Amino acid sequence: MQARERARPSYQRAAGAVLRQGVAVDSPMLFRSAPDVRLDVWLDIACLFKTRSEAQKACRGGKVEINGQAAKAHRQVRIGDEVEIKRPFGRKQRLVIRGVADRHVPRGQARGLYEDLTPKPTAEEIELRRQERLYRAAITPPRAPDKRARRALRKLKEG
């Protein structure tokens, strides 16, 4: 019997995956012709947050600004927009959008979606972060005892 080949949707094609406007993934024009996309989607595609829901939470919490204004998750981003993301320990990540895509792309190409303008951390900041990590590790309560430890504690208490 001869196996029939079915046409697969564009998002399932292995080679030459296509975006909504028909530009191939490996094309140099990939990010230039894609339509405007939502901020939370762009943050996820650009690998700045692990998931779209994390990006939405950051937007809701006021951690993301575009062109100096607090941005909501549904805001449309455009090439040239300046994004500032407030990260833990008072760090701020500054970006300029250099391209948009409406579907996930490989991480290497995702880094081409933005230009990172964040200044390098100073030696003082690096030391401060190291001390903060050590402090947090010291004050973190110990884990609950496992089965073996509970049995040992019970033996000590009972005598």
N, C-alpha and C. Protein backbone atom coordinates (compact mmCIF):
# COMPACT_ATOMS: atom_id res chain seq x y z
N MET A 1 0.83 -1.19 0.00
CA MET A 1 0.00 0.00 0.00
C MET A 1 0.87 1.24 0.00
N GLN A 2 0.39 2.22 -0.64
CA GLN A 2 1.13 3.47 -0.73
C GLN A 2 0.56 4.45 0.29
N ALA A 3 1.45 5.01 1.11
CA ALA A 3 1.01 5.95 2.14
C ALA A 3 0.68 7.29 1.48
N ARG A 4 -0.45 7.82 1.88
CA ARG A 4 -0.84 9.12 1.35
C ARG A 4 -0.18 10.22 2.18
N GLU A 5 0.32 11.20 1.50
CA GLU A 5 0.89 12.35 2.19
C GLU A 5 -0.16 13.43 2.31
N ARG A 6 -0.35 13.88 3.52
CA ARG A 6 -1.31 14.95 3.75
C ARG A 6 -0.57 16.26 3.87
N ALA A 7 -1.20 17.30 3.44
CA ALA A 7 -0.61 18.64 3.58
C ALA A 7 -0.66 19.01 5.06
N ARG A 8 0.47 19.41 5.60
CA ARG A 8 0.53 19.80 7.01
C ARG A 8 0.46 21.32 7.12
N PRO A 9 -0.14 21.82 8.19
CA PRO A 9 -0.18 23.27 8.38
C PRO A 9 1.22 23.85 8.46
N SER A 10 1.34 25.14 8.20
CA SER A 10 2.65 25.78 8.13
C SER A 10 3.40 25.70 9.46
N TYR A 11 2.70 25.69 10.60
CA TYR A 11 3.40 25.66 11.87
C TYR A 11 4.00 24.29 12.16
N GLN A 12 3.64 23.25 11.37
CA GLN A 12 4.20 21.93 11.57
C GLN A 12 5.31 21.61 10.58
N ARG A 13 5.54 22.45 9.61
CA ARG A 13 6.58 22.17 8.63
C ARG A 13 7.95 22.28 9.29
N ALA A 14 8.78 21.28 9.06
CA ALA A 14 10.10 21.27 9.68
C ALA A 14 11.03 22.27 9.01
N ALA A 15 11.16 22.19 7.71
CA ALA A 15 12.06 23.10 6.99
C ALA A 15 11.25 24.24 6.40
N GLY A 16 11.77 25.43 6.54
CA GLY A 16 11.12 26.60 5.95
C GLY A 16 9.82 26.96 6.64
N ALA A 17 9.81 26.92 7.98
CA ALA A 17 8.61 27.31 8.70
C ALA A 17 8.23 28.73 8.28
N VAL A 18 6.95 29.00 8.28
CA VAL A 18 6.47 30.25 7.72
C VAL A 18 5.72 31.05 8.78
N LEU A 19 5.94 32.34 8.79
CA LEU A 19 5.18 33.22 9.65
C LEU A 19 3.88 33.62 8.96
N ARG A 20 3.08 34.37 9.66
CA ARG A 20 1.76 34.72 9.16
C ARG A 20 1.82 35.41 7.79
N GLN A 21 2.83 36.22 7.56
CA GLN A 21 2.89 36.96 6.30
C GLN A 21 3.70 36.25 5.24
N GLY A 22 4.06 34.99 5.47
CA GLY A 22 4.71 34.20 4.43
C GLY A 22 6.20 34.41 4.30
N VAL A 23 6.88 34.85 5.36
CA VAL A 23 8.32 35.04 5.31
C VAL A 23 8.96 33.84 5.98
N ALA A 24 9.92 33.21 5.34
CA ALA A 24 10.56 32.02 5.89
C ALA A 24 11.38 32.37 7.12
N VAL A 25 11.52 31.42 8.06
CA VAL A 25 12.22 31.66 9.32
C VAL A 25 13.67 32.05 9.08
N ASP A 26 14.32 31.41 8.09
CA ASP A 26 15.73 31.72 7.87
C ASP A 26 15.93 32.93 6.97
N SER A 27 14.88 33.60 6.63
CA SER A 27 14.97 34.79 5.79
C SER A 27 15.46 35.98 6.61
N PRO A 28 16.33 36.82 6.04
CA PRO A 28 16.79 38.00 6.78
C PRO A 28 15.67 39.01 7.02
N MET A 29 14.56 38.92 6.29
CA MET A 29 13.45 39.86 6.46
C MET A 29 12.42 39.36 7.46
N LEU A 30 12.72 38.27 8.15
CA LEU A 30 11.77 37.64 9.05
C LEU A 30 11.11 38.62 10.00
N PHE A 31 11.88 39.40 10.70
CA PHE A 31 11.35 40.24 11.75
C PHE A 31 10.91 41.61 11.26
N ARG A 32 11.24 41.94 10.05
CA ARG A 32 10.90 43.27 9.55
C ARG A 32 9.46 43.35 9.05
N SER A 33 8.93 42.23 8.57
CA SER A 33 7.61 42.31 7.95
C SER A 33 6.51 41.69 8.80
N ALA A 34 6.84 41.18 9.99
CA ALA A 34 5.82 40.57 10.83
C ALA A 34 4.88 41.66 11.35
N PRO A 35 3.64 41.32 11.61
CA PRO A 35 2.67 42.31 12.09
C PRO A 35 2.96 42.70 13.54
N ASP A 36 2.28 43.77 14.01
CA ASP A 36 2.40 44.15 15.41
C ASP A 36 1.91 43.00 16.28
N VAL A 37 2.55 42.80 17.40
CA VAL A 37 2.14 41.73 18.31
C VAL A 37 1.96 42.30 19.71
N ARG A 38 1.25 41.55 20.54
CA ARG A 38 1.04 41.94 21.93
C ARG A 38 2.36 41.92 22.69
N LEU A 39 2.47 42.77 23.69
CA LEU A 39 3.68 42.86 24.49
C LEU A 39 4.00 41.53 25.18
N ASP A 40 3.00 40.90 25.81
CA ASP A 40 3.28 39.66 26.53
C ASP A 40 3.74 38.55 25.58
N VAL A 41 3.18 38.51 24.38
CA VAL A 41 3.60 37.52 23.39
C VAL A 41 5.03 37.80 22.95
N TRP A 42 5.34 39.06 22.69
CA TRP A 42 6.69 39.42 22.25
C TRP A 42 7.73 39.09 23.32
N LEU A 43 7.42 39.40 24.59
CA LEU A 43 8.36 39.11 25.68
C LEU A 43 8.63 37.62 25.78
N ASP A 44 7.61 36.81 25.54
CA ASP A 44 7.78 35.35 25.57
C ASP A 44 8.60 34.89 24.37
N ILE A 45 8.27 35.36 23.18
CA ILE A 45 8.98 34.95 21.96
C ILE A 45 10.44 35.38 22.01
N ALA A 46 10.71 36.56 22.57
CA ALA A 46 12.08 37.07 22.65
C ALA A 46 12.87 36.42 23.78
N CYS A 47 12.27 35.45 24.47
CA CYS A 47 12.92 34.69 25.55
C CYS A 47 13.34 35.58 26.72
N LEU A 48 12.57 36.63 26.98
CA LEU A 48 12.85 37.49 28.13
C LEU A 48 12.12 36.98 29.37
N PHE A 49 11.07 36.19 29.17
CA PHE A 49 10.36 35.50 30.24
C PHE A 49 10.15 34.06 29.79
N LYS A 50 10.08 33.14 30.74
CA LYS A 50 9.96 31.73 30.38
C LYS A 50 8.62 31.43 29.72
N THR A 51 7.56 32.05 30.21
CA THR A 51 6.24 31.79 29.66
C THR A 51 5.50 33.11 29.44
N ARG A 52 4.45 33.02 28.64
CA ARG A 52 3.64 34.20 28.39
C ARG A 52 2.93 34.63 29.66
N SER A 53 2.51 33.67 30.49
CA SER A 53 1.81 34.04 31.72
C SER A 53 2.74 34.78 32.68
N GLU A 54 4.04 34.42 32.70
CA GLU A 54 5.00 35.19 33.51
C GLU A 54 5.12 36.61 32.99
N ALA A 55 5.13 36.76 31.68
CA ALA A 55 5.20 38.10 31.08
C ALA A 55 3.95 38.90 31.43
N GLN A 56 2.79 38.26 31.42
CA GLN A 56 1.55 38.94 31.78
C GLN A 56 1.59 39.40 33.23
N LYS A 57 2.08 38.54 34.12
CA LYS A 57 2.17 38.91 35.54
C LYS A 57 3.11 40.10 35.73
N ALA A 58 4.22 40.10 35.02
CA ALA A 58 5.16 41.22 35.12
C ALA A 58 4.50 42.52 34.65
N CYS A 59 3.74 42.44 33.58
CA CYS A 59 3.04 43.63 33.07
C CYS A 59 2.00 44.10 34.08
N ARG A 60 1.23 43.17 34.63
CA ARG A 60 0.22 43.52 35.62
C ARG A 60 0.84 44.13 36.87
N GLY A 61 2.03 43.65 37.23
CA GLY A 61 2.70 44.15 38.43
C GLY A 61 3.46 45.43 38.22
N GLY A 62 3.40 46.01 37.02
CA GLY A 62 4.07 47.27 36.75
C GLY A 62 5.57 47.12 36.56
N LYS A 63 6.03 45.95 36.22
CA LYS A 63 7.47 45.70 36.06
C LYS A 63 7.97 45.99 34.65
N VAL A 64 7.05 46.26 33.72
CA VAL A 64 7.44 46.51 32.33
C VAL A 64 6.95 47.89 31.91
N GLU A 65 7.87 48.66 31.32
CA GLU A 65 7.52 49.98 30.79
C GLU A 65 7.93 50.04 29.33
N ILE A 66 7.12 50.73 28.54
CA ILE A 66 7.47 50.96 27.14
C ILE A 66 7.48 52.46 26.91
N ASN A 67 8.59 52.94 26.40
CA ASN A 67 8.78 54.37 26.15
C ASN A 67 8.46 55.21 27.38
N GLY A 68 8.86 54.71 28.57
CA GLY A 68 8.68 55.45 29.81
C GLY A 68 7.31 55.36 30.44
N GLN A 69 6.39 54.59 29.86
CA GLN A 69 5.04 54.46 30.40
C GLN A 69 4.78 53.02 30.80
N ALA A 70 4.08 52.83 31.91
CA ALA A 70 3.71 51.48 32.33
C ALA A 70 2.89 50.83 31.22
N ALA A 71 3.20 49.57 30.94
CA ALA A 71 2.56 48.90 29.81
C ALA A 71 1.71 47.74 30.28
N LYS A 72 0.56 47.58 29.64
CA LYS A 72 -0.29 46.43 29.90
C LYS A 72 0.07 45.33 28.92
N ALA A 73 -0.31 44.11 29.26
CA ALA A 73 0.06 42.94 28.46
C ALA A 73 -0.49 43.00 27.04
N HIS A 74 -1.64 43.64 26.85
CA HIS A 74 -2.27 43.64 25.53
C HIS A 74 -1.75 44.76 24.61
N ARG A 75 -0.84 45.56 25.09
CA ARG A 75 -0.30 46.66 24.29
C ARG A 75 0.45 46.12 23.07
N GLN A 76 0.27 46.75 21.93
CA GLN A 76 0.97 46.36 20.71
C GLN A 76 2.38 46.95 20.72
N VAL A 77 3.36 46.13 20.38
CA VAL A 77 4.74 46.64 20.31
C VAL A 77 5.13 46.85 18.86
N ARG A 78 6.00 47.81 18.65
CA ARG A 78 6.47 48.13 17.31
C ARG A 78 7.99 48.26 17.33
N ILE A 79 8.58 48.12 16.18
CA ILE A 79 10.02 48.26 16.06
C ILE A 79 10.41 49.68 16.47
N GLY A 80 11.44 49.79 17.30
CA GLY A 80 11.90 51.08 17.79
C GLY A 80 11.42 51.41 19.19
N ASP A 81 10.45 50.68 19.71
CA ASP A 81 9.98 50.92 21.08
C ASP A 81 11.09 50.59 22.06
N GLU A 82 11.19 51.41 23.13
CA GLU A 82 12.15 51.16 24.19
C GLU A 82 11.43 50.49 25.35
N VAL A 83 11.93 49.34 25.77
CA VAL A 83 11.32 48.55 26.83
C VAL A 83 12.26 48.55 28.03
N GLU A 84 11.69 48.73 29.22
CA GLU A 84 12.45 48.62 30.46
C GLU A 84 11.76 47.60 31.35
N ILE A 85 12.52 46.58 31.75
CA ILE A 85 11.98 45.51 32.59
C ILE A 85 12.68 45.59 33.94
N LYS A 86 11.88 45.69 35.01
CA LYS A 86 12.45 45.71 36.35
C LYS A 86 12.65 44.27 36.80
N ARG A 87 13.91 43.92 37.08
CA ARG A 87 14.29 42.58 37.49
C ARG A 87 14.53 42.56 39.00
N PRO A 88 14.69 41.37 39.59
CA PRO A 88 14.94 41.30 41.04
C PRO A 88 16.21 42.03 41.45
N PHE A 89 16.28 42.38 42.73
CA PHE A 89 17.41 43.07 43.35
C PHE A 89 17.63 44.47 42.76
N GLY A 90 16.57 45.12 42.29
CA GLY A 90 16.66 46.49 41.82
C GLY A 90 17.31 46.66 40.45
N ARG A 91 17.58 45.56 39.77
CA ARG A 91 18.22 45.64 38.46
C ARG A 91 17.17 46.00 37.41
N LYS A 92 17.56 46.79 36.42
CA LYS A 92 16.66 47.16 35.33
C LYS A 92 17.30 46.76 34.01
N GLN A 93 16.50 46.11 33.17
CA GLN A 93 16.98 45.69 31.86
C GLN A 93 16.36 46.61 30.82
N ARG A 94 17.21 47.27 30.04
CA ARG A 94 16.74 48.20 29.01
C ARG A 94 16.95 47.59 27.64
N LEU A 95 15.91 47.66 26.80
CA LEU A 95 15.95 47.05 25.46
C LEU A 95 15.36 48.00 24.44
N VAL A 96 15.78 47.83 23.20
CA VAL A 96 15.13 48.49 22.07
C VAL A 96 14.67 47.39 21.13
N ILE A 97 13.41 47.44 20.75
CA ILE A 97 12.85 46.41 19.88
C ILE A 97 13.38 46.62 18.46
N ARG A 98 14.03 45.59 17.93
CA ARG A 98 14.60 45.63 16.58
C ARG A 98 13.80 44.79 15.60
N GLY A 99 12.87 43.99 16.11
CA GLY A 99 12.05 43.18 15.22
C GLY A 99 10.92 42.54 16.01
N VAL A 100 9.89 42.12 15.30
CA VAL A 100 8.77 41.44 15.93
C VAL A 100 8.49 40.14 15.17
N ALA A 101 8.00 39.16 15.90
CA ALA A 101 7.58 37.89 15.31
C ALA A 101 6.34 37.45 16.07
N ASP A 102 5.42 36.82 15.38
CA ASP A 102 4.20 36.40 16.05
C ASP A 102 4.20 34.92 16.41
N ARG A 103 5.29 34.23 16.11
CA ARG A 103 5.44 32.82 16.48
C ARG A 103 6.82 32.61 17.08
N HIS A 104 6.96 31.53 17.83
CA HIS A 104 8.25 31.22 18.44
C HIS A 104 9.29 30.92 17.38
N VAL A 105 10.50 31.38 17.63
CA VAL A 105 11.64 31.16 16.75
C VAL A 105 12.78 30.63 17.61
N PRO A 106 13.82 30.06 17.00
CA PRO A 106 14.96 29.58 17.79
C PRO A 106 15.56 30.71 18.64
N ARG A 107 16.14 30.30 19.78
CA ARG A 107 16.66 31.29 20.74
C ARG A 107 17.68 32.24 20.11
N GLY A 108 18.51 31.73 19.23
CA GLY A 108 19.51 32.59 18.57
C GLY A 108 18.86 33.69 17.76
N GLN A 109 17.79 33.35 17.05
CA GLN A 109 17.08 34.37 16.27
C GLN A 109 16.25 35.27 17.19
N ALA A 110 15.79 34.71 18.31
CA ALA A 110 15.00 35.52 19.25
C ALA A 110 15.84 36.66 19.81
N ARG A 111 17.14 36.43 19.99
CA ARG A 111 18.00 37.49 20.51
C ARG A 111 18.15 38.63 19.50
N GLY A 112 17.87 38.35 18.24
CA GLY A 112 17.91 39.39 17.23
C GLY A 112 16.69 40.28 17.24
N LEU A 113 15.70 39.94 18.05
CA LEU A 113 14.48 40.75 18.13
C LEU A 113 14.69 42.05 18.91
N TYR A 114 15.77 42.11 19.69
CA TYR A 114 16.00 43.30 20.51
C TYR A 114 17.48 43.60 20.63
N GLU A 115 17.76 44.84 20.99
CA GLU A 115 19.12 45.28 21.29
C GLU A 115 19.15 45.59 22.78
N ASP A 116 20.04 44.95 23.50
CA ASP A 116 20.12 45.12 24.94
C ASP A 116 20.99 46.33 25.26
N LEU A 117 20.41 47.35 25.90
CA LEU A 117 21.13 48.57 26.27
C LEU A 117 21.48 48.60 27.75
N THR A 118 21.27 47.47 28.44
CA THR A 118 21.53 47.41 29.87
C THR A 118 23.03 47.55 30.13
N PRO A 119 23.42 48.49 30.99
CA PRO A 119 24.86 48.63 31.28
C PRO A 119 25.37 47.42 32.05
N LYS A 120 26.65 47.10 31.88
CA LYS A 120 27.28 46.00 32.60
C LYS A 120 27.25 46.30 34.09
N PRO A 121 27.03 45.29 34.94
CA PRO A 121 27.02 45.55 36.38
C PRO A 121 28.41 45.90 36.89
N THR A 122 28.45 46.83 37.83
CA THR A 122 29.73 47.23 38.41
C THR A 122 30.19 46.16 39.40
N ALA A 123 31.44 46.24 39.82
CA ALA A 123 31.99 45.28 40.77
C ALA A 123 31.21 45.33 42.08
N GLU A 124 30.77 46.53 42.48
CA GLU A 124 29.99 46.68 43.71
C GLU A 124 28.65 45.96 43.59
N GLU A 125 27.98 46.10 42.46
CA GLU A 125 26.70 45.43 42.26
C GLU A 125 26.86 43.92 42.28
N ILE A 126 27.90 43.41 41.66
CA ILE A 126 28.15 41.96 41.64
C ILE A 126 28.36 41.45 43.06
N GLU A 127 29.14 42.18 43.85
CA GLU A 127 29.40 41.79 45.24
C GLU A 127 28.12 41.87 46.06
N LEU A 128 27.32 42.91 45.83
CA LEU A 128 26.05 43.05 46.54
C LEU A 128 25.13 41.88 46.25
N ARG A 129 25.03 41.46 44.99
CA ARG A 129 24.19 40.32 44.62
C ARG A 129 24.70 39.04 45.27
N ARG A 130 26.03 38.87 45.31
CA ARG A 130 26.60 37.68 45.93
C ARG A 130 26.25 37.63 47.41
N GLN A 131 26.38 38.77 48.09
CA GLN A 131 26.05 38.83 49.52
C GLN A 131 24.56 38.57 49.74
N GLU A 132 23.72 39.10 48.85
CA GLU A 132 22.27 38.88 48.96
C GLU A 132 21.95 37.39 48.83
N ARG A 133 22.58 36.72 47.87
CA ARG A 133 22.35 35.27 47.70
C ARG A 133 22.78 34.50 48.96
N LEU A 134 23.95 34.87 49.51
CA LEU A 134 24.42 34.19 50.72
C LEU A 134 23.47 34.43 51.89
N TYR A 135 22.99 35.65 52.03
CA TYR A 135 22.06 35.98 53.11
C TYR A 135 20.76 35.19 52.97
N ARG A 136 20.23 35.16 51.75
CA ARG A 136 18.98 34.42 51.53
C ARG A 136 19.16 32.93 51.81
N ALA A 137 20.30 32.39 51.43
CA ALA A 137 20.57 30.97 51.69
C ALA A 137 20.65 30.72 53.20
N ALA A 138 21.21 31.67 53.95
CA ALA A 138 21.36 31.49 55.39
C ALA A 138 20.03 31.56 56.13
N ILE A 139 19.13 32.46 55.67
CA ILE A 139 17.86 32.61 56.40
C ILE A 139 16.77 31.66 55.91
N THR A 140 17.03 30.95 54.82
CA THR A 140 16.03 30.01 54.32
C THR A 140 15.87 28.89 55.34
N PRO A 141 14.65 28.62 55.77
CA PRO A 141 14.47 27.58 56.77
C PRO A 141 14.88 26.21 56.22
N PRO A 142 15.38 25.34 57.10
CA PRO A 142 15.77 24.01 56.61
C PRO A 142 14.54 23.24 56.13
N ARG A 143 14.79 22.29 55.26
CA ARG A 143 13.69 21.50 54.72
C ARG A 143 13.10 20.60 55.80
N ALA A 144 11.88 20.18 55.58
CA ALA A 144 11.25 19.23 56.49
C ALA A 144 12.02 17.90 56.42
N PRO A 145 12.13 17.20 57.53
CA PRO A 145 12.87 15.95 57.51
C PRO A 145 12.20 14.90 56.61
N ASP A 146 13.03 14.09 55.98
CA ASP A 146 12.48 13.02 55.15
C ASP A 146 12.12 11.83 56.04
N LYS A 147 11.70 10.73 55.42
CA LYS A 147 11.21 9.58 56.16
C LYS A 147 12.27 9.03 57.12
N ARG A 148 13.49 8.91 56.62
CA ARG A 148 14.57 8.35 57.45
C ARG A 148 14.86 9.27 58.64
N ALA A 149 14.91 10.58 58.39
CA ALA A 149 15.19 11.53 59.47
C ALA A 149 14.06 11.55 60.50
N ARG A 150 12.80 11.45 60.03
CA ARG A 150 11.67 11.42 60.97
C ARG A 150 11.76 10.21 61.89
N ARG A 151 12.13 9.06 61.33
CA ARG A 151 12.27 7.85 62.15
C ARG A 151 13.37 8.03 63.18
N ALA A 152 14.49 8.63 62.77
CA ALA A 152 15.59 8.86 63.70
C ALA A 152 15.17 9.81 64.82
N LEU A 153 14.43 10.87 64.47
CA LEU A 153 13.94 11.80 65.49
C LEU A 153 12.98 11.11 66.45
N ARG A 154 12.12 10.27 65.93
CA ARG A 154 11.16 9.56 66.76
C ARG A 154 11.88 8.64 67.75
N LYS A 155 12.95 7.98 67.27
CA LYS A 155 13.74 7.10 68.16
C LYS A 155 14.39 7.90 69.28
N LEU A 156 14.93 9.08 68.93
CA LEU A 156 15.56 9.92 69.94
C LEU A 156 14.55 10.37 71.00
N LYS A 157 13.36 10.75 70.57
CA LYS A 157 12.35 11.25 71.49
C LYS A 157 11.82 10.15 72.39
N GLU A 158 11.60 8.97 71.81
CA GLU A 158 11.03 7.86 72.59
C GLU A 158 12.05 7.23 73.51
N GLY A 159 13.29 7.34 73.19
CA GLY A 159 14.33 6.84 74.07
C GLY A 159 14.94 5.58 73.71
